[in-house]
Amino acid sequence: MSNYIKVFTGNFIEVQRIFRLLEEVNICAIIKDESESGRLAGFGSSILGLQEIHVHKDELTRVKPIIENATSQLEFD
């Protein structure tokens, strides 16, 4: 079982913004891009442009308020 949990799914710009915010507070996040992985392997993907952010489960309590704040700002941008 993985120790990483998906905490956000969005387009490239949203994911990069949240990823940067997490880095600023020393949270090690992983970006997963199924469409890019499929493209590199020679396969297609039905969900183009969406990426996921995964974080270690031990950091989940620190991550939630950052993502909630960032996504509420995205709604107004």
C-alpha atoms as a PDB file:
ATOM      1  CA  MET A   1       0.000   0.000   0.000  1.00  0.00           C
ATOM      2  CA  SER A   2       1.270   3.433  -0.905  1.00  0.00           C
ATOM      3  CA  ASN A   3       2.147   6.020   1.701  1.00  0.00           C
ATOM      4  CA  TYR A   4       1.155   8.790  -0.708  1.00  0.00           C
ATOM      5  CA  ILE A   5      -2.325  10.273  -1.026  1.00  0.00           C
ATOM      6  CA  LYS A   6      -3.826  12.232  -3.893  1.00  0.00           C
ATOM      7  CA  VAL A   7      -4.767  15.670  -2.583  1.00  0.00           C
ATOM      8  CA  PHE A   8      -5.518  17.661  -5.736  1.00  0.00           C
ATOM      9  CA  THR A   9      -6.361  17.234  -9.417  1.00  0.00           C
ATOM     10  CA  GLY A  10      -6.277  20.118 -11.865  1.00  0.00           C
ATOM     11  CA  ASN A  11      -4.778  21.593 -14.976  1.00  0.00           C
ATOM     12  CA  PHE A  12      -1.065  22.296 -15.368  1.00  0.00           C
ATOM     13  CA  ILE A  13      -1.239  25.901 -14.117  1.00  0.00           C
ATOM     14  CA  GLU A  14      -3.303  25.079 -11.000  1.00  0.00           C
ATOM     15  CA  VAL A  15      -1.081  22.132 -10.133  1.00  0.00           C
ATOM     16  CA  GLN A  16       2.133  24.142 -10.550  1.00  0.00           C
ATOM     17  CA  ARG A  17       0.768  26.922  -8.335  1.00  0.00           C
ATOM     18  CA  ILE A  18      -0.190  24.548  -5.523  1.00  0.00           C
ATOM     19  CA  PHE A  19       3.026  22.555  -5.922  1.00  0.00           C
ATOM     20  CA  ARG A  20       5.047  25.773  -5.464  1.00  0.00           C
ATOM     21  CA  LEU A  21       3.039  26.701  -2.346  1.00  0.00           C
ATOM     22  CA  LEU A  22       3.756  23.286  -0.850  1.00  0.00           C
ATOM     23  CA  GLU A  23       7.463  23.576  -1.663  1.00  0.00           C
ATOM     24  CA  GLU A  24       7.605  26.948   0.115  1.00  0.00           C
ATOM     25  CA  VAL A  25       6.672  25.229   3.393  1.00  0.00           C
ATOM     26  CA  ASN A  26       8.997  22.243   2.786  1.00  0.00           C
ATOM     27  CA  ILE A  27       6.299  19.749   1.868  1.00  0.00           C
ATOM     28  CA  CYS A  28       7.571  17.220  -0.635  1.00  0.00           C
ATOM     29  CA  ALA A  29       4.808  16.716  -3.202  1.00  0.00           C
ATOM     30  CA  ILE A  30       4.736  14.528  -6.295  1.00  0.00           C
ATOM     31  CA  ILE A  31       3.036  15.505  -9.544  1.00  0.00           C
ATOM     32  CA  LYS A  32       1.503  12.629 -11.467  1.00  0.00           C
ATOM     33  CA  ASP A  33       0.591  13.196 -15.111  1.00  0.00           C
ATOM     34  CA  GLU A  34      -1.114  10.135 -16.602  1.00  0.00           C
ATOM     35  CA  SER A  35      -1.414  11.666 -20.075  1.00  0.00           C
ATOM     36  CA  GLU A  36       2.300  12.487 -20.255  1.00  0.00           C
ATOM     37  CA  SER A  37       3.271   9.061 -18.929  1.00  0.00           C
ATOM     38  CA  GLY A  38       1.029   7.430 -21.525  1.00  0.00           C
ATOM     39  CA  ARG A  39       2.401   9.598 -24.304  1.00  0.00           C
ATOM     40  CA  LEU A  40       5.975   8.737 -23.406  1.00  0.00           C
ATOM     41  CA  ALA A  41       5.096   5.033 -23.349  1.00  0.00           C
ATOM     42  CA  GLY A  42       3.331   5.254 -26.710  1.00  0.00           C
ATOM     43  CA  PHE A  43      -0.232   5.069 -25.403  1.00  0.00           C
ATOM     44  CA  GLY A  44      -3.028   7.615 -25.416  1.00  0.00           C
ATOM     45  CA  SER A  45      -4.960   9.014 -22.501  1.00  0.00           C
ATOM     46  CA  SER A  46      -8.608   9.937 -22.204  1.00  0.00           C
ATOM     47  CA  ILE A  47      -7.981  12.696 -19.634  1.00  0.00           C
ATOM     48  CA  LEU A  48      -5.716  15.153 -21.385  1.00  0.00           C
ATOM     49  CA  GLY A  49      -4.252  18.015 -19.426  1.00  0.00           C
ATOM     50  CA  LEU A  50      -5.145  16.927 -15.888  1.00  0.00           C
ATOM     51  CA  GLN A  51      -2.440  16.328 -13.325  1.00  0.00           C
ATOM     52  CA  GLU A  52      -2.537  15.078  -9.750  1.00  0.00           C
ATOM     53  CA  ILE A  53      -0.639  16.147  -6.656  1.00  0.00           C
ATOM     54  CA  HIS A  54       0.250  13.430  -4.157  1.00  0.00           C
ATOM     55  CA  VAL A  55       1.767  13.954  -0.706  1.00  0.00           C
ATOM     56  CA  HIS A  56       2.969  11.626   2.014  1.00  0.00           C
ATOM     57  CA  LYS A  57       0.150  10.716   4.383  1.00  0.00           C
ATOM     58  CA  ASP A  58       2.127  12.106   7.343  1.00  0.00           C
ATOM     59  CA  GLU A  59       1.907  15.603   5.804  1.00  0.00           C
ATOM     60  CA  LEU A  60      -1.820  15.534   5.093  1.00  0.00           C
ATOM     61  CA  THR A  61      -2.835  17.760   8.016  1.00  0.00           C
ATOM     62  CA  ARG A  62      -0.362  20.448   6.893  1.00  0.00           C
ATOM     63  CA  VAL A  63      -1.428  20.197   3.254  1.00  0.00           C
ATOM     64  CA  LYS A  64      -5.209  20.507   3.598  1.00  0.00           C
ATOM     65  CA  PRO A  65      -5.374  24.197   4.644  1.00  0.00           C
ATOM     66  CA  ILE A  66      -2.865  25.191   1.956  1.00  0.00           C
ATOM     67  CA  ILE A  67      -4.893  23.509  -0.775  1.00  0.00           C
ATOM     68  CA  GLU A  68      -8.200  24.841   0.557  1.00  0.00           C
ATOM     69  CA  ASN A  69      -6.810  28.383   0.579  1.00  0.00           C
ATOM     70  CA  ALA A  70      -5.285  28.039  -2.903  1.00  0.00           C
ATOM     71  CA  THR A  71      -8.419  26.542  -4.457  1.00  0.00           C
ATOM     72  CA  SER A  72     -10.632  29.228  -2.957  1.00  0.00           C
ATOM     73  CA  GLN A  73      -8.342  31.835  -4.550  1.00  0.00           C
ATOM     74  CA  LEU A  74      -8.517  29.996  -7.898  1.00  0.00           C
ATOM     75  CA  GLU A  75     -12.306  30.414  -7.906  1.00  0.00           C
ATOM     76  CA  PHE A  76     -11.904  34.207  -7.854  1.00  0.00           C
ATOM     77  CA  ASP A  77      -8.982  34.481 -10.307  1.00  0.00           C
END
